[in-house]
Amino acid sequence: MGKVEKGVACSVTGCKNPSERSVGRDQLAGSGLAAGGDGRRVYLCHDHYKAWKKATKKDRDMQRARWG
């Protein structure tokens, strides 16, 4: 059972919503979201996860193309 299933809150500064997904802290760097706390993982609520996906779409597509 992971931390998301246990009900950890969103890691973005000022957000208290329950998290839906987790991403690596290094993946969050290019999205413009400010996450507080320490650790390797950042926990995102539904709204912030959607914003992260939209902000990093080109980068993720380029990484997938390299593997193809």
C-alpha atoms as a PDB file:
ATOM      1  CA  MET A   1       0.000   0.000   0.000  1.00  0.00           C
ATOM      2  CA  GLY A   2       1.548   3.254  -1.134  1.00  0.00           C
ATOM      3  CA  LYS A   3       1.373   6.745   0.294  1.00  0.00           C
ATOM      4  CA  VAL A   4      -1.218   7.886  -2.252  1.00  0.00           C
ATOM      5  CA  GLU A   5      -3.569   5.111  -1.144  1.00  0.00           C
ATOM      6  CA  LYS A   6      -2.985   6.063   2.487  1.00  0.00           C
ATOM      7  CA  GLY A   7      -4.246   9.596   1.766  1.00  0.00           C
ATOM      8  CA  VAL A   8      -1.187  11.844   1.758  1.00  0.00           C
ATOM      9  CA  ALA A   9      -1.929  15.491   0.859  1.00  0.00           C
ATOM     10  CA  CYS A  10      -0.783  17.271  -2.303  1.00  0.00           C
ATOM     11  CA  SER A  11       2.847  18.470  -2.103  1.00  0.00           C
ATOM     12  CA  VAL A  12       2.288  21.731  -4.008  1.00  0.00           C
ATOM     13  CA  THR A  13       2.691  24.771  -1.784  1.00  0.00           C
ATOM     14  CA  GLY A  14      -0.678  25.986  -0.489  1.00  0.00           C
ATOM     15  CA  CYS A  15      -2.720  22.949  -1.594  1.00  0.00           C
ATOM     16  CA  LYS A  16      -4.411  20.660   0.929  1.00  0.00           C
ATOM     17  CA  ASN A  17      -6.285  18.347  -1.465  1.00  0.00           C
ATOM     18  CA  PRO A  18      -5.677  14.583  -1.283  1.00  0.00           C
ATOM     19  CA  SER A  19      -3.060  13.330  -3.725  1.00  0.00           C
ATOM     20  CA  GLU A  20      -3.902  11.262  -6.775  1.00  0.00           C
ATOM     21  CA  ARG A  21      -0.498  10.534  -8.311  1.00  0.00           C
ATOM     22  CA  SER A  22       3.165  10.798  -7.483  1.00  0.00           C
ATOM     23  CA  VAL A  23       6.009  11.895  -9.739  1.00  0.00           C
ATOM     24  CA  GLY A  24       9.729  12.296  -9.228  1.00  0.00           C
ATOM     25  CA  ARG A  25      10.928  15.633  -7.895  1.00  0.00           C
ATOM     26  CA  ASP A  26      13.246  16.026 -10.914  1.00  0.00           C
ATOM     27  CA  GLN A  27      10.266  15.599 -13.281  1.00  0.00           C
ATOM     28  CA  LEU A  28       8.406  18.428 -11.548  1.00  0.00           C
ATOM     29  CA  ALA A  29      11.240  20.929 -12.115  1.00  0.00           C
ATOM     30  CA  GLY A  30      10.223  22.058 -15.621  1.00  0.00           C
ATOM     31  CA  SER A  31       6.512  22.431 -14.948  1.00  0.00           C
ATOM     32  CA  GLY A  32       6.473  25.635 -12.908  1.00  0.00           C
ATOM     33  CA  LEU A  33       4.825  24.036  -9.865  1.00  0.00           C
ATOM     34  CA  ALA A  34       6.447  24.738  -6.502  1.00  0.00           C
ATOM     35  CA  ALA A  35       6.523  21.749  -4.173  1.00  0.00           C
ATOM     36  CA  GLY A  36       7.455  21.929  -0.531  1.00  0.00           C
ATOM     37  CA  GLY A  37       9.068  19.280   1.619  1.00  0.00           C
ATOM     38  CA  ASP A  38      11.943  16.890   1.067  1.00  0.00           C
ATOM     39  CA  GLY A  39      12.274  13.514  -0.559  1.00  0.00           C
ATOM     40  CA  ARG A  40      12.430  12.050  -4.024  1.00  0.00           C
ATOM     41  CA  ARG A  41       8.703  11.864  -4.732  1.00  0.00           C
ATOM     42  CA  VAL A  42       6.170  14.669  -5.081  1.00  0.00           C
ATOM     43  CA  TYR A  43       2.485  13.948  -4.562  1.00  0.00           C
ATOM     44  CA  LEU A  44      -0.028  15.763  -6.767  1.00  0.00           C
ATOM     45  CA  CYS A  45      -3.802  16.204  -6.526  1.00  0.00           C
ATOM     46  CA  HIS A  46      -5.993  15.851  -9.609  1.00  0.00           C
ATOM     47  CA  ASP A  47      -5.796  19.526 -10.603  1.00  0.00           C
ATOM     48  CA  HIS A  48      -2.023  19.830 -10.184  1.00  0.00           C
ATOM     49  CA  TYR A  49      -1.399  16.497 -11.923  1.00  0.00           C
ATOM     50  CA  LYS A  50      -3.398  17.761 -14.901  1.00  0.00           C
ATOM     51  CA  ALA A  51      -1.397  21.012 -14.926  1.00  0.00           C
ATOM     52  CA  TRP A  52       1.883  19.042 -14.709  1.00  0.00           C
ATOM     53  CA  LYS A  53       0.860  16.817 -17.635  1.00  0.00           C
ATOM     54  CA  LYS A  54      -0.024  19.831 -19.761  1.00  0.00           C
ATOM     55  CA  ALA A  55       3.208  21.687 -18.920  1.00  0.00           C
ATOM     56  CA  THR A  56       5.506  18.720 -19.627  1.00  0.00           C
ATOM     57  CA  LYS A  57       3.772  17.151 -22.626  1.00  0.00           C
ATOM     58  CA  LYS A  58       6.473  18.079 -25.170  1.00  0.00           C
ATOM     59  CA  ASP A  59       9.294  16.870 -22.916  1.00  0.00           C
ATOM     60  CA  ARG A  60       7.582  13.545 -22.282  1.00  0.00           C
ATOM     61  CA  ASP A  61       6.885  13.088 -26.011  1.00  0.00           C
ATOM     62  CA  MET A  62      10.551  13.724 -26.820  1.00  0.00           C
ATOM     63  CA  GLN A  63      11.684  11.145 -24.257  1.00  0.00           C
ATOM     64  CA  ARG A  64       9.266   8.563 -25.663  1.00  0.00           C
ATOM     65  CA  ALA A  65      10.542   9.253 -29.193  1.00  0.00           C
ATOM     66  CA  ARG A  66      14.106   8.504 -28.118  1.00  0.00           C
ATOM     67  CA  TRP A  67      13.086   5.016 -26.991  1.00  0.00           C
ATOM     68  CA  GLY A  68      11.039   4.296 -30.127  1.00  0.00           C
END
